[in-house]
Amino acid sequence: MRSSLSLLKILALVSVCHCIPELTISIVNPEVGATLDTKLPAELISKLYTTLCESGGSHNIVRIKPEDGRSGIIEEGQRLNTNSRFVTSCMFEDSPPNKTCSFCEANRACVAEIRSSCSPSDMRSMQYVDVTLSSSYGELVVDNCEVLCQQKWFRGDEPIVSASSSISDLAVGIVAGVIVLASLLVAGAVICKIKDSKSVREEYNDNHFTHSTSCSSIEII
């Protein structure tokens, strides 16, 4: 009896595995036409399928690490923020949310495409990527995408920082400016003092030489 129950469980698991679609997150570099694919594990896809297709959940956030292909589901509060340092969007510019395929249908192979936003030559310079996924009438939708770049590969004009970081950086800049200005003033004062003392010494030497010459002339006469 127990063996038959175990067999039924195995068959049920096999049938579930065959029904659940495959899902690959594909990082696309339009500049060179290269892609870097991260195929999500069956366990993670099963959770996405349950949330987005069976229970009518709003969305899930999948975090992937392109360097080694690891992935997992994270909470909303853990999601990357584009107002943080070295974080930028990995959505394709000027495009609506990307519908990929009929994710909620069985035995489908879905590919969710995002943009490579860090190094133009090394897509593994993207440390973490957070992809927000939802479903619309059974279609898988990429709603949002944020990426944490390695510092040397951040391609923004200026790294975007939070307000507190901006204030801190401004304070440091002001202090540094005051120190530099004070150093210049001290250096200027020292140079002026050296010039003044040199002028006084030269004037003293000139007067002393003239006086000695006059005395000698008197003695010769």
N, C-alpha and C. Protein backbone atom coordinates (compact mmCIF):
# COMPACT_ATOMS: atom_id res chain seq x y z
N MET A 1 0.84 -1.21 0.00
CA MET A 1 0.00 0.00 0.00
C MET A 1 0.87 1.25 0.00
N ARG A 2 1.88 1.23 0.87
CA ARG A 2 2.76 2.39 0.96
C ARG A 2 3.53 2.59 -0.34
N SER A 3 3.96 1.48 -0.93
CA SER A 3 4.72 1.58 -2.18
C SER A 3 3.86 2.16 -3.29
N SER A 4 2.57 1.79 -3.30
CA SER A 4 1.67 2.32 -4.33
C SER A 4 1.44 3.81 -4.15
N LEU A 5 1.33 4.26 -2.87
CA LEU A 5 1.18 5.69 -2.59
C LEU A 5 2.42 6.46 -3.02
N SER A 6 3.58 5.91 -2.74
CA SER A 6 4.83 6.56 -3.14
C SER A 6 4.91 6.68 -4.65
N LEU A 7 4.46 5.62 -5.34
CA LEU A 7 4.48 5.64 -6.80
C LEU A 7 3.54 6.72 -7.34
N LEU A 8 2.38 6.86 -6.69
CA LEU A 8 1.43 7.89 -7.11
C LEU A 8 2.00 9.29 -6.91
N LYS A 9 2.72 9.48 -5.78
CA LYS A 9 3.35 10.78 -5.53
C LYS A 9 4.40 11.09 -6.59
N ILE A 10 5.18 10.09 -6.93
CA ILE A 10 6.22 10.29 -7.94
C ILE A 10 5.59 10.65 -9.29
N LEU A 11 4.51 9.91 -9.64
CA LEU A 11 3.83 10.20 -10.90
C LEU A 11 3.23 11.60 -10.90
N ALA A 12 2.71 12.00 -9.74
CA ALA A 12 2.13 13.35 -9.64
C ALA A 12 3.20 14.41 -9.82
N LEU A 13 4.35 14.19 -9.19
CA LEU A 13 5.45 15.14 -9.32
C LEU A 13 5.94 15.22 -10.76
N VAL A 14 6.02 14.06 -11.41
CA VAL A 14 6.48 14.03 -12.80
C VAL A 14 5.52 14.79 -13.70
N SER A 15 4.21 14.59 -13.45
CA SER A 15 3.22 15.27 -14.28
C SER A 15 3.27 16.78 -14.07
N VAL A 16 3.50 17.20 -12.81
CA VAL A 16 3.62 18.64 -12.52
C VAL A 16 4.83 19.22 -13.22
N CYS A 17 5.95 18.49 -13.18
CA CYS A 17 7.18 18.97 -13.81
C CYS A 17 6.99 19.13 -15.31
N HIS A 18 6.21 18.19 -15.92
CA HIS A 18 5.99 18.28 -17.36
C HIS A 18 5.05 19.43 -17.71
N CYS A 19 4.17 19.81 -16.78
CA CYS A 19 3.21 20.87 -17.06
C CYS A 19 3.81 22.26 -16.89
N ILE A 20 4.71 22.42 -15.93
CA ILE A 20 5.28 23.73 -15.64
C ILE A 20 6.18 24.17 -16.79
N PRO A 21 6.02 25.41 -17.25
CA PRO A 21 6.85 25.89 -18.36
C PRO A 21 8.29 26.14 -17.94
N GLU A 22 9.14 26.31 -18.90
CA GLU A 22 10.51 26.72 -18.65
C GLU A 22 10.59 28.25 -18.74
N LEU A 23 11.54 28.82 -18.01
CA LEU A 23 11.71 30.28 -18.05
C LEU A 23 13.19 30.63 -18.01
N THR A 24 13.60 31.44 -18.97
CA THR A 24 14.98 31.90 -19.06
C THR A 24 15.02 33.42 -19.06
N ILE A 25 15.86 33.99 -18.20
CA ILE A 25 16.11 35.43 -18.21
C ILE A 25 17.31 35.68 -19.13
N SER A 26 17.09 36.41 -20.20
CA SER A 26 18.13 36.65 -21.20
C SER A 26 18.58 38.11 -21.15
N ILE A 27 19.86 38.32 -20.79
CA ILE A 27 20.44 39.67 -20.80
C ILE A 27 20.96 39.94 -22.20
N VAL A 28 20.44 40.98 -22.82
CA VAL A 28 20.76 41.28 -24.22
C VAL A 28 21.63 42.52 -24.30
N ASN A 29 22.72 42.42 -25.06
CA ASN A 29 23.59 43.57 -25.33
C ASN A 29 23.38 43.98 -26.78
N PRO A 30 22.54 45.01 -27.03
CA PRO A 30 22.24 45.40 -28.42
C PRO A 30 23.46 45.92 -29.17
N GLU A 31 24.45 46.44 -28.44
CA GLU A 31 25.61 47.05 -29.09
C GLU A 31 26.45 46.02 -29.84
N VAL A 32 26.56 44.83 -29.26
CA VAL A 32 27.40 43.80 -29.90
C VAL A 32 26.58 42.57 -30.29
N GLY A 33 25.28 42.60 -30.00
CA GLY A 33 24.43 41.48 -30.37
C GLY A 33 24.65 40.22 -29.55
N ALA A 34 25.16 40.37 -28.33
CA ALA A 34 25.44 39.21 -27.48
C ALA A 34 24.33 39.04 -26.45
N THR A 35 24.19 37.82 -25.94
CA THR A 35 23.22 37.53 -24.89
C THR A 35 23.88 36.68 -23.81
N LEU A 36 23.34 36.81 -22.60
CA LEU A 36 23.77 35.98 -21.47
C LEU A 36 22.52 35.44 -20.81
N ASP A 37 22.32 34.14 -20.88
CA ASP A 37 21.07 33.52 -20.42
C ASP A 37 21.23 32.90 -19.04
N THR A 38 20.20 33.11 -18.21
CA THR A 38 20.11 32.44 -16.91
C THR A 38 18.80 31.65 -16.89
N LYS A 39 18.91 30.33 -16.93
CA LYS A 39 17.73 29.48 -16.91
C LYS A 39 17.32 29.24 -15.46
N LEU A 40 16.09 29.62 -15.13
CA LEU A 40 15.63 29.49 -13.76
C LEU A 40 15.37 28.03 -13.41
N PRO A 41 15.67 27.63 -12.17
CA PRO A 41 15.45 26.23 -11.76
C PRO A 41 13.96 25.91 -11.65
N ALA A 42 13.64 24.64 -11.75
CA ALA A 42 12.24 24.20 -11.75
C ALA A 42 11.51 24.60 -10.47
N GLU A 43 12.20 24.54 -9.33
CA GLU A 43 11.55 24.90 -8.06
C GLU A 43 11.11 26.36 -8.06
N LEU A 44 11.97 27.25 -8.58
CA LEU A 44 11.63 28.67 -8.63
C LEU A 44 10.51 28.92 -9.63
N ILE A 45 10.56 28.26 -10.77
CA ILE A 45 9.51 28.42 -11.78
C ILE A 45 8.17 27.94 -11.23
N SER A 46 8.20 26.87 -10.44
CA SER A 46 6.97 26.35 -9.83
C SER A 46 6.33 27.40 -8.92
N LYS A 47 7.16 28.11 -8.14
CA LYS A 47 6.64 29.17 -7.27
C LYS A 47 6.04 30.30 -8.09
N LEU A 48 6.73 30.69 -9.16
CA LEU A 48 6.21 31.74 -10.04
C LEU A 48 4.89 31.31 -10.67
N TYR A 49 4.83 30.08 -11.11
CA TYR A 49 3.62 29.56 -11.76
C TYR A 49 2.44 29.57 -10.79
N THR A 50 2.72 29.15 -9.54
CA THR A 50 1.65 29.13 -8.53
C THR A 50 1.14 30.53 -8.25
N THR A 51 2.06 31.50 -8.12
CA THR A 51 1.67 32.87 -7.79
C THR A 51 0.98 33.56 -8.95
N LEU A 52 1.57 33.48 -10.13
CA LEU A 52 1.10 34.28 -11.26
C LEU A 52 -0.04 33.62 -12.03
N CYS A 53 -0.11 32.30 -12.00
CA CYS A 53 -1.10 31.61 -12.83
C CYS A 53 -2.24 30.96 -12.05
N GLU A 54 -1.93 30.43 -10.87
CA GLU A 54 -2.95 29.68 -10.14
C GLU A 54 -3.63 30.50 -9.05
N SER A 55 -2.85 31.30 -8.32
CA SER A 55 -3.45 32.04 -7.21
C SER A 55 -3.75 33.50 -7.56
N GLY A 56 -3.44 33.91 -8.77
CA GLY A 56 -3.77 35.27 -9.20
C GLY A 56 -2.97 36.34 -8.49
N GLY A 57 -1.75 36.03 -8.08
CA GLY A 57 -0.91 37.03 -7.43
C GLY A 57 -0.52 38.15 -8.37
N SER A 58 -0.16 39.29 -7.78
CA SER A 58 0.12 40.47 -8.61
C SER A 58 1.44 40.36 -9.34
N HIS A 59 2.51 40.08 -8.60
CA HIS A 59 3.82 40.00 -9.25
C HIS A 59 4.81 39.28 -8.34
N ASN A 60 5.93 38.92 -8.91
CA ASN A 60 7.07 38.37 -8.17
C ASN A 60 8.34 39.08 -8.62
N ILE A 61 9.29 39.21 -7.70
CA ILE A 61 10.58 39.81 -8.04
C ILE A 61 11.64 38.71 -8.01
N VAL A 62 12.26 38.49 -9.14
CA VAL A 62 13.30 37.47 -9.25
C VAL A 62 14.66 38.16 -9.27
N ARG A 63 15.54 37.73 -8.39
CA ARG A 63 16.91 38.26 -8.37
C ARG A 63 17.85 37.21 -8.97
N ILE A 64 18.62 37.63 -9.95
CA ILE A 64 19.61 36.72 -10.54
C ILE A 64 21.00 37.32 -10.40
N LYS A 65 21.99 36.45 -10.36
CA LYS A 65 23.39 36.85 -10.31
C LYS A 65 24.05 36.34 -11.58
N PRO A 66 24.23 37.22 -12.58
CA PRO A 66 24.74 36.76 -13.88
C PRO A 66 26.10 36.08 -13.82
N GLU A 67 26.91 36.43 -12.82
CA GLU A 67 28.26 35.87 -12.75
C GLU A 67 28.25 34.35 -12.62
N ASP A 68 27.31 33.84 -11.80
CA ASP A 68 27.29 32.38 -11.59
C ASP A 68 25.93 31.75 -11.89
N GLY A 69 24.95 32.57 -12.32
CA GLY A 69 23.66 32.02 -12.71
C GLY A 69 22.70 31.71 -11.58
N ARG A 70 23.05 32.09 -10.35
CA ARG A 70 22.14 31.82 -9.22
C ARG A 70 20.91 32.73 -9.31
N SER A 71 19.79 32.25 -8.76
CA SER A 71 18.55 33.02 -8.82
C SER A 71 17.67 32.68 -7.63
N GLY A 72 16.72 33.58 -7.35
CA GLY A 72 15.78 33.36 -6.25
C GLY A 72 14.73 34.45 -6.24
N ILE A 73 13.67 34.24 -5.47
CA ILE A 73 12.61 35.23 -5.32
C ILE A 73 12.88 36.07 -4.07
N ILE A 74 12.76 37.39 -4.19
CA ILE A 74 13.01 38.29 -3.07
C ILE A 74 11.74 39.08 -2.74
N GLU A 75 11.73 39.70 -1.55
CA GLU A 75 10.61 40.52 -1.12
C GLU A 75 10.73 41.92 -1.72
N GLU A 76 9.61 42.64 -1.72
CA GLU A 76 9.57 44.00 -2.27
C GLU A 76 10.59 44.91 -1.60
N GLY A 77 10.74 44.77 -0.28
CA GLY A 77 11.67 45.63 0.46
C GLY A 77 13.13 45.37 0.15
N GLN A 78 13.44 44.23 -0.45
CA GLN A 78 14.82 43.89 -0.79
C GLN A 78 15.20 44.33 -2.20
N ARG A 79 14.25 44.80 -2.93
CA ARG A 79 14.46 45.16 -4.34
C ARG A 79 15.42 46.33 -4.49
N LEU A 80 16.24 46.29 -5.53
CA LEU A 80 17.17 47.37 -5.82
C LEU A 80 16.41 48.65 -6.15
N ASN A 81 17.03 49.79 -5.80
CA ASN A 81 16.41 51.10 -6.03
C ASN A 81 17.31 51.92 -6.93
N THR A 82 16.76 52.47 -8.01
CA THR A 82 17.58 53.24 -8.95
C THR A 82 18.07 54.56 -8.37
N ASN A 83 17.59 54.94 -7.18
CA ASN A 83 18.13 56.12 -6.50
C ASN A 83 19.37 55.79 -5.69
N SER A 84 19.76 54.54 -5.66
CA SER A 84 20.96 54.11 -4.92
C SER A 84 22.18 54.15 -5.84
N ARG A 85 23.33 54.17 -5.21
CA ARG A 85 24.59 54.29 -5.95
C ARG A 85 24.84 53.04 -6.81
N PHE A 86 25.21 53.29 -8.08
CA PHE A 86 25.58 52.25 -9.04
C PHE A 86 24.42 51.32 -9.41
N VAL A 87 23.18 51.78 -9.18
CA VAL A 87 22.01 51.02 -9.61
C VAL A 87 21.34 51.76 -10.76
N THR A 88 21.01 51.05 -11.82
CA THR A 88 20.36 51.66 -12.97
C THR A 88 19.32 50.71 -13.54
N SER A 89 18.52 51.20 -14.46
CA SER A 89 17.47 50.38 -15.05
C SER A 89 18.06 49.46 -16.12
N CYS A 90 17.49 48.27 -16.22
CA CYS A 90 17.89 47.35 -17.29
C CYS A 90 16.70 47.05 -18.21
N MET A 91 15.72 47.96 -18.22
CA MET A 91 14.62 47.85 -19.17
C MET A 91 15.07 48.43 -20.51
N PHE A 92 14.49 47.95 -21.59
CA PHE A 92 14.78 48.55 -22.89
C PHE A 92 14.13 49.93 -22.94
N GLU A 93 14.87 50.92 -23.45
CA GLU A 93 14.39 52.30 -23.47
C GLU A 93 13.24 52.46 -24.46
N ASP A 94 12.31 53.36 -24.09
CA ASP A 94 11.19 53.71 -24.96
C ASP A 94 10.39 52.49 -25.41
N SER A 95 10.15 51.60 -24.46
CA SER A 95 9.36 50.41 -24.82
C SER A 95 8.40 50.10 -23.68
N PRO A 96 7.21 49.58 -24.00
CA PRO A 96 6.26 49.19 -22.95
C PRO A 96 6.75 47.94 -22.24
N PRO A 97 6.10 47.55 -21.14
CA PRO A 97 6.47 46.30 -20.48
C PRO A 97 6.52 45.14 -21.47
N ASN A 98 7.53 44.33 -21.33
CA ASN A 98 7.81 43.28 -22.32
C ASN A 98 6.99 42.02 -22.05
N LYS A 99 6.04 41.72 -22.93
CA LYS A 99 5.30 40.46 -22.85
C LYS A 99 6.12 39.38 -23.56
N THR A 100 6.33 38.28 -22.86
CA THR A 100 7.23 37.27 -23.41
C THR A 100 6.50 36.13 -24.10
N CYS A 101 5.64 35.44 -23.37
CA CYS A 101 4.94 34.29 -23.96
C CYS A 101 3.79 33.89 -23.05
N SER A 102 3.06 32.88 -23.46
CA SER A 102 1.94 32.38 -22.65
C SER A 102 2.50 31.50 -21.53
N PHE A 103 2.96 32.15 -20.48
CA PHE A 103 3.64 31.46 -19.39
C PHE A 103 2.72 30.48 -18.68
N CYS A 104 1.45 30.81 -18.60
CA CYS A 104 0.52 29.98 -17.84
C CYS A 104 0.04 28.75 -18.60
N GLU A 105 0.45 28.61 -19.83
CA GLU A 105 0.15 27.39 -20.58
C GLU A 105 1.22 26.35 -20.29
N ALA A 106 0.83 25.10 -20.34
CA ALA A 106 1.76 24.01 -20.02
C ALA A 106 2.80 23.84 -21.12
N ASN A 107 3.96 23.38 -20.68
CA ASN A 107 5.03 22.99 -21.60
C ASN A 107 5.46 24.11 -22.55
N ARG A 108 5.50 25.32 -22.03
CA ARG A 108 5.98 26.44 -22.84
C ARG A 108 7.40 26.81 -22.41
N ALA A 109 8.19 27.24 -23.35
CA ALA A 109 9.55 27.72 -23.05
C ALA A 109 9.57 29.23 -23.22
N CYS A 110 9.57 29.95 -22.10
CA CYS A 110 9.51 31.40 -22.12
C CYS A 110 10.90 32.01 -21.98
N VAL A 111 11.09 33.14 -22.64
CA VAL A 111 12.32 33.92 -22.52
C VAL A 111 11.95 35.35 -22.19
N ALA A 112 12.44 35.84 -21.05
CA ALA A 112 12.22 37.23 -20.65
C ALA A 112 13.51 38.01 -20.92
N GLU A 113 13.44 38.99 -21.82
CA GLU A 113 14.63 39.74 -22.22
C GLU A 113 14.76 41.03 -21.42
N ILE A 114 15.99 41.30 -20.96
CA ILE A 114 16.32 42.56 -20.30
C ILE A 114 17.58 43.10 -20.96
N ARG A 115 17.90 44.37 -20.67
CA ARG A 115 19.01 45.03 -21.35
C ARG A 115 20.28 45.01 -20.50
N SER A 116 21.42 44.80 -21.14
CA SER A 116 22.71 44.90 -20.46
C SER A 116 23.03 46.37 -20.25
N SER A 117 23.14 46.81 -18.98
CA SER A 117 23.24 48.24 -18.68
C SER A 117 24.53 48.66 -18.00
N CYS A 118 25.49 47.76 -17.87
CA CYS A 118 26.75 48.11 -17.18
C CYS A 118 27.89 48.17 -18.18
N SER A 119 28.74 47.18 -18.19
CA SER A 119 29.88 47.17 -19.10
C SER A 119 29.43 46.84 -20.52
N PRO A 120 29.93 47.58 -21.53
CA PRO A 120 29.57 47.26 -22.91
C PRO A 120 30.17 45.95 -23.40
N SER A 121 31.19 45.45 -22.68
CA SER A 121 31.89 44.26 -23.16
C SER A 121 31.75 43.05 -22.23
N ASP A 122 31.37 43.27 -20.97
CA ASP A 122 31.31 42.17 -20.01
C ASP A 122 29.98 42.22 -19.26
N MET A 123 29.04 41.38 -19.66
CA MET A 123 27.71 41.41 -19.04
C MET A 123 27.74 40.86 -17.62
N ARG A 124 28.81 40.16 -17.26
CA ARG A 124 28.92 39.65 -15.89
C ARG A 124 29.33 40.75 -14.91
N SER A 125 29.54 41.97 -15.41
CA SER A 125 29.80 43.10 -14.52
C SER A 125 28.51 43.56 -13.83
N MET A 126 27.38 42.96 -14.20
CA MET A 126 26.11 43.21 -13.51
C MET A 126 26.10 42.30 -12.27
N GLN A 127 26.26 42.90 -11.08
CA GLN A 127 26.38 42.10 -9.86
C GLN A 127 25.08 41.38 -9.53
N TYR A 128 24.00 42.16 -9.46
CA TYR A 128 22.68 41.59 -9.19
C TYR A 128 21.68 42.23 -10.14
N VAL A 129 20.69 41.45 -10.55
CA VAL A 129 19.62 41.95 -11.40
C VAL A 129 18.29 41.56 -10.77
N ASP A 130 17.42 42.55 -10.55
CA ASP A 130 16.08 42.30 -10.01
C ASP A 130 15.06 42.50 -11.12
N VAL A 131 14.36 41.43 -11.46
CA VAL A 131 13.37 41.47 -12.54
C VAL A 131 11.98 41.27 -11.94
N THR A 132 11.10 42.26 -12.14
CA THR A 132 9.73 42.18 -11.64
C THR A 132 8.84 41.56 -12.72
N LEU A 133 8.24 40.42 -12.38
CA LEU A 133 7.42 39.68 -13.34
C LEU A 133 5.96 39.65 -12.89
N SER A 134 5.06 39.76 -13.84
CA SER A 134 3.63 39.60 -13.57
C SER A 134 3.01 38.86 -14.75
N SER A 135 1.72 38.61 -14.65
CA SER A 135 1.03 37.94 -15.77
C SER A 135 -0.20 38.75 -16.17
N SER A 136 -0.46 38.76 -17.45
CA SER A 136 -1.64 39.45 -17.98
C SER A 136 -2.33 38.51 -18.97
N TYR A 137 -3.49 37.99 -18.53
CA TYR A 137 -4.24 37.03 -19.35
C TYR A 137 -3.36 35.86 -19.77
N GLY A 138 -2.56 35.37 -18.81
CA GLY A 138 -1.72 34.22 -19.07
C GLY A 138 -0.37 34.53 -19.68
N GLU A 139 -0.17 35.79 -20.12
CA GLU A 139 1.10 36.20 -20.70
C GLU A 139 2.04 36.67 -19.60
N LEU A 140 3.29 36.24 -19.66
CA LEU A 140 4.30 36.70 -18.71
C LEU A 140 4.77 38.09 -19.12
N VAL A 141 4.82 39.00 -18.15
CA VAL A 141 5.18 40.40 -18.43
C VAL A 141 6.37 40.81 -17.57
N VAL A 142 7.37 41.44 -18.19
CA VAL A 142 8.48 42.05 -17.46
C VAL A 142 8.08 43.48 -17.14
N ASP A 143 7.70 43.74 -15.88
CA ASP A 143 7.22 45.06 -15.49
C ASP A 143 8.36 46.03 -15.20
N ASN A 144 9.42 45.52 -14.62
CA ASN A 144 10.52 46.40 -14.22
C ASN A 144 11.80 45.60 -14.11
N CYS A 145 12.92 46.34 -14.14
CA CYS A 145 14.22 45.68 -14.04
C CYS A 145 15.25 46.67 -13.54
N GLU A 146 15.94 46.31 -12.46
CA GLU A 146 17.02 47.13 -11.92
C GLU A 146 18.28 46.28 -11.82
N VAL A 147 19.43 46.94 -12.00
CA VAL A 147 20.70 46.21 -11.95
C VAL A 147 21.70 46.98 -11.09
N LEU A 148 22.46 46.23 -10.29
CA LEU A 148 23.57 46.79 -9.51
C LEU A 148 24.85 46.50 -10.28
N CYS A 149 25.50 47.57 -10.77
CA CYS A 149 26.73 47.42 -11.55
C CYS A 149 27.94 47.45 -10.64
N GLN A 150 29.01 46.79 -11.07
CA GLN A 150 30.29 46.98 -10.41
C GLN A 150 30.71 48.42 -10.63
N GLN A 151 31.35 49.02 -9.62
CA GLN A 151 31.64 50.45 -9.64
C GLN A 151 32.37 50.89 -10.91
N LYS A 152 33.39 50.14 -11.32
CA LYS A 152 34.19 50.58 -12.47
C LYS A 152 33.45 50.44 -13.79
N TRP A 153 32.31 49.71 -13.79
CA TRP A 153 31.57 49.53 -15.02
C TRP A 153 30.25 50.28 -15.03
N PHE A 154 30.06 51.22 -14.09
CA PHE A 154 28.81 51.99 -14.08
C PHE A 154 28.83 52.97 -15.24
N ARG A 155 27.80 52.93 -16.09
CA ARG A 155 27.82 53.72 -17.32
C ARG A 155 26.96 54.97 -17.26
N GLY A 156 26.45 55.34 -16.09
CA GLY A 156 25.69 56.57 -15.99
C GLY A 156 26.60 57.77 -16.08
N ASP A 157 26.04 58.93 -16.48
CA ASP A 157 26.85 60.15 -16.54
C ASP A 157 27.40 60.48 -15.18
N GLU A 158 26.56 60.41 -14.18
CA GLU A 158 26.96 60.59 -12.79
C GLU A 158 26.23 59.55 -11.97
N PRO A 159 26.93 58.81 -11.10
CA PRO A 159 26.23 57.86 -10.24
C PRO A 159 25.14 58.55 -9.44
N ILE A 160 23.94 57.99 -9.45
CA ILE A 160 22.82 58.59 -8.73
C ILE A 160 22.91 58.19 -7.27
N VAL A 161 22.84 59.18 -6.39
CA VAL A 161 22.96 58.90 -4.97
C VAL A 161 21.71 59.37 -4.26
N SER A 162 21.51 58.89 -3.07
CA SER A 162 20.37 59.30 -2.27
C SER A 162 20.60 60.68 -1.71
N ALA A 163 19.55 61.30 -1.15
CA ALA A 163 19.66 62.66 -0.63
C ALA A 163 20.66 62.74 0.51
N SER A 164 20.65 61.74 1.41
CA SER A 164 21.58 61.76 2.53
C SER A 164 23.02 61.68 2.06
N SER A 165 23.26 60.86 1.02
CA SER A 165 24.61 60.75 0.47
C SER A 165 25.03 62.06 -0.18
N SER A 166 24.09 62.74 -0.85
CA SER A 166 24.41 64.00 -1.50
C SER A 166 24.81 65.05 -0.48
N ILE A 167 24.05 65.13 0.63
CA ILE A 167 24.36 66.10 1.68
C ILE A 167 25.72 65.80 2.28
N SER A 168 26.00 64.53 2.52
CA SER A 168 27.28 64.13 3.09
C SER A 168 28.43 64.50 2.16
N ASP A 169 28.26 64.22 0.87
CA ASP A 169 29.30 64.56 -0.11
C ASP A 169 29.50 66.06 -0.19
N LEU A 170 28.41 66.84 -0.10
CA LEU A 170 28.51 68.29 -0.15
C LEU A 170 29.28 68.82 1.04
N ALA A 171 29.00 68.26 2.24
CA ALA A 171 29.71 68.69 3.44
C ALA A 171 31.20 68.41 3.34
N VAL A 172 31.53 67.23 2.85
CA VAL A 172 32.94 66.87 2.67
C VAL A 172 33.61 67.82 1.69
N GLY A 173 32.90 68.18 0.61
CA GLY A 173 33.46 69.10 -0.38
C GLY A 173 33.71 70.48 0.19
N ILE A 174 32.76 70.97 1.02
CA ILE A 174 32.93 72.28 1.64
C ILE A 174 34.13 72.30 2.57
N VAL A 175 34.25 71.27 3.41
CA VAL A 175 35.39 71.19 4.35
C VAL A 175 36.70 71.14 3.58
N ALA A 176 36.74 70.34 2.52
CA ALA A 176 37.97 70.24 1.72
C ALA A 176 38.31 71.58 1.08
N GLY A 177 37.28 72.29 0.60
CA GLY A 177 37.52 73.60 0.00
C GLY A 177 38.07 74.61 0.99
N VAL A 178 37.52 74.60 2.21
CA VAL A 178 38.00 75.51 3.25
C VAL A 178 39.46 75.22 3.58
N ILE A 179 39.80 73.93 3.69
CA ILE A 179 41.18 73.55 4.02
C ILE A 179 42.14 74.01 2.92
N VAL A 180 41.76 73.80 1.67
CA VAL A 180 42.62 74.22 0.55
C VAL A 180 42.79 75.73 0.53
N LEU A 181 41.69 76.48 0.74
CA LEU A 181 41.76 77.94 0.75
C LEU A 181 42.65 78.44 1.87
N ALA A 182 42.51 77.84 3.07
CA ALA A 182 43.34 78.25 4.20
C ALA A 182 44.82 77.97 3.90
N SER A 183 45.10 76.84 3.28
CA SER A 183 46.48 76.50 2.93
C SER A 183 47.07 77.51 1.96
N LEU A 184 46.25 77.92 0.97
CA LEU A 184 46.72 78.91 0.00
C LEU A 184 46.99 80.26 0.66
N LEU A 185 46.12 80.67 1.59
CA LEU A 185 46.31 81.94 2.29
C LEU A 185 47.58 81.92 3.13
N VAL A 186 47.81 80.80 3.83
CA VAL A 186 49.02 80.68 4.65
C VAL A 186 50.26 80.72 3.77
N ALA A 187 50.20 79.99 2.66
CA ALA A 187 51.35 79.97 1.74
C ALA A 187 51.61 81.36 1.18
N GLY A 188 50.54 82.09 0.83
CA GLY A 188 50.70 83.45 0.32
C GLY A 188 51.31 84.38 1.34
N ALA A 189 50.85 84.25 2.59
CA ALA A 189 51.39 85.10 3.66
C ALA A 189 52.88 84.82 3.88
N VAL A 190 53.26 83.56 3.86
CA VAL A 190 54.68 83.20 4.05
C VAL A 190 55.53 83.76 2.92
N ILE A 191 55.04 83.66 1.67
CA ILE A 191 55.80 84.17 0.53
C ILE A 191 55.97 85.68 0.63
N CYS A 192 54.89 86.39 1.00
CA CYS A 192 54.97 87.85 1.16
C CYS A 192 55.95 88.23 2.25
N LYS A 193 55.94 87.49 3.35
CA LYS A 193 56.85 87.79 4.46
C LYS A 193 58.30 87.59 4.04
N ILE A 194 58.54 86.52 3.27
CA ILE A 194 59.90 86.26 2.78
C ILE A 194 60.36 87.39 1.86
N LYS A 195 59.46 87.84 0.97
CA LYS A 195 59.81 88.93 0.06
C LYS A 195 60.10 90.22 0.83
N ASP A 196 59.26 90.53 1.85
CA ASP A 196 59.46 91.74 2.64
C ASP A 196 60.79 91.72 3.37
N SER A 197 61.11 90.59 3.99
CA SER A 197 62.37 90.49 4.73
C SER A 197 63.56 90.60 3.79
N LYS A 198 63.42 90.06 2.57
CA LYS A 198 64.50 90.15 1.59
C LYS A 198 64.71 91.59 1.14
N SER A 199 63.58 92.32 0.94
CA SER A 199 63.68 93.72 0.53
C SER A 199 64.34 94.56 1.61
N VAL A 200 63.97 94.33 2.88
CA VAL A 200 64.56 95.08 3.99
C VAL A 200 66.05 94.82 4.07
N ARG A 201 66.43 93.54 3.90
CA ARG A 201 67.84 93.18 3.97
C ARG A 201 68.64 93.83 2.84
N GLU A 202 68.06 93.85 1.63
CA GLU A 202 68.76 94.49 0.51
C GLU A 202 68.88 95.99 0.72
N GLU A 203 67.84 96.62 1.27
CA GLU A 203 67.89 98.06 1.53
C GLU A 203 68.93 98.39 2.58
N TYR A 204 69.02 97.55 3.61
CA TYR A 204 70.01 97.76 4.66
C TYR A 204 71.43 97.64 4.10
N ASN A 205 71.65 96.64 3.25
CA ASN A 205 72.97 96.45 2.65
C ASN A 205 73.35 97.62 1.77
N ASP A 206 72.41 98.16 1.00
CA ASP A 206 72.69 99.31 0.13
C ASP A 206 73.07 100.53 0.95
N ASN A 207 72.32 100.81 2.03
CA ASN A 207 72.62 101.97 2.88
C ASN A 207 73.97 101.82 3.56
N HIS A 208 74.26 100.63 4.03
CA HIS A 208 75.52 100.39 4.72
C HIS A 208 76.70 100.57 3.76
N PHE A 209 76.57 100.14 2.52
CA PHE A 209 77.64 100.26 1.53
C PHE A 209 77.89 101.73 1.20
N THR A 210 76.85 102.52 1.06
CA THR A 210 76.98 103.94 0.74
C THR A 210 77.66 104.68 1.88
N HIS A 211 77.28 104.38 3.11
CA HIS A 211 77.86 105.04 4.27
C HIS A 211 79.36 104.75 4.38
N SER A 212 79.74 103.52 4.14
CA SER A 212 81.15 103.14 4.23
C SER A 212 81.97 103.84 3.16
N THR A 213 81.43 103.99 1.98
CA THR A 213 82.14 104.66 0.89
C THR A 213 82.38 106.12 1.22
N SER A 214 81.40 106.78 1.81
CA SER A 214 81.53 108.19 2.17
C SER A 214 82.63 108.39 3.20
N CYS A 215 82.65 107.53 4.16
CA CYS A 215 83.66 107.63 5.21
C CYS A 215 85.06 107.45 4.63
N SER A 216 85.23 106.54 3.73
CA SER A 216 86.52 106.29 3.11
C SER A 216 86.97 107.51 2.32
N SER A 217 86.04 108.14 1.66
CA SER A 217 86.36 109.33 0.87
C SER A 217 86.87 110.45 1.76
N ILE A 218 86.26 110.60 2.90
CA ILE A 218 86.67 111.66 3.82
C ILE A 218 88.07 111.40 4.31
N GLU A 219 88.36 110.12 4.63
CA GLU A 219 89.68 109.79 5.15
C GLU A 219 90.76 110.02 4.09
N ILE A 220 90.44 109.72 2.83
CA ILE A 220 91.43 109.91 1.76
C ILE A 220 91.73 111.39 1.58
N ILE A 221 90.72 112.22 1.65
CA ILE A 221 90.92 113.66 1.53
C ILE A 221 91.77 114.15 2.68
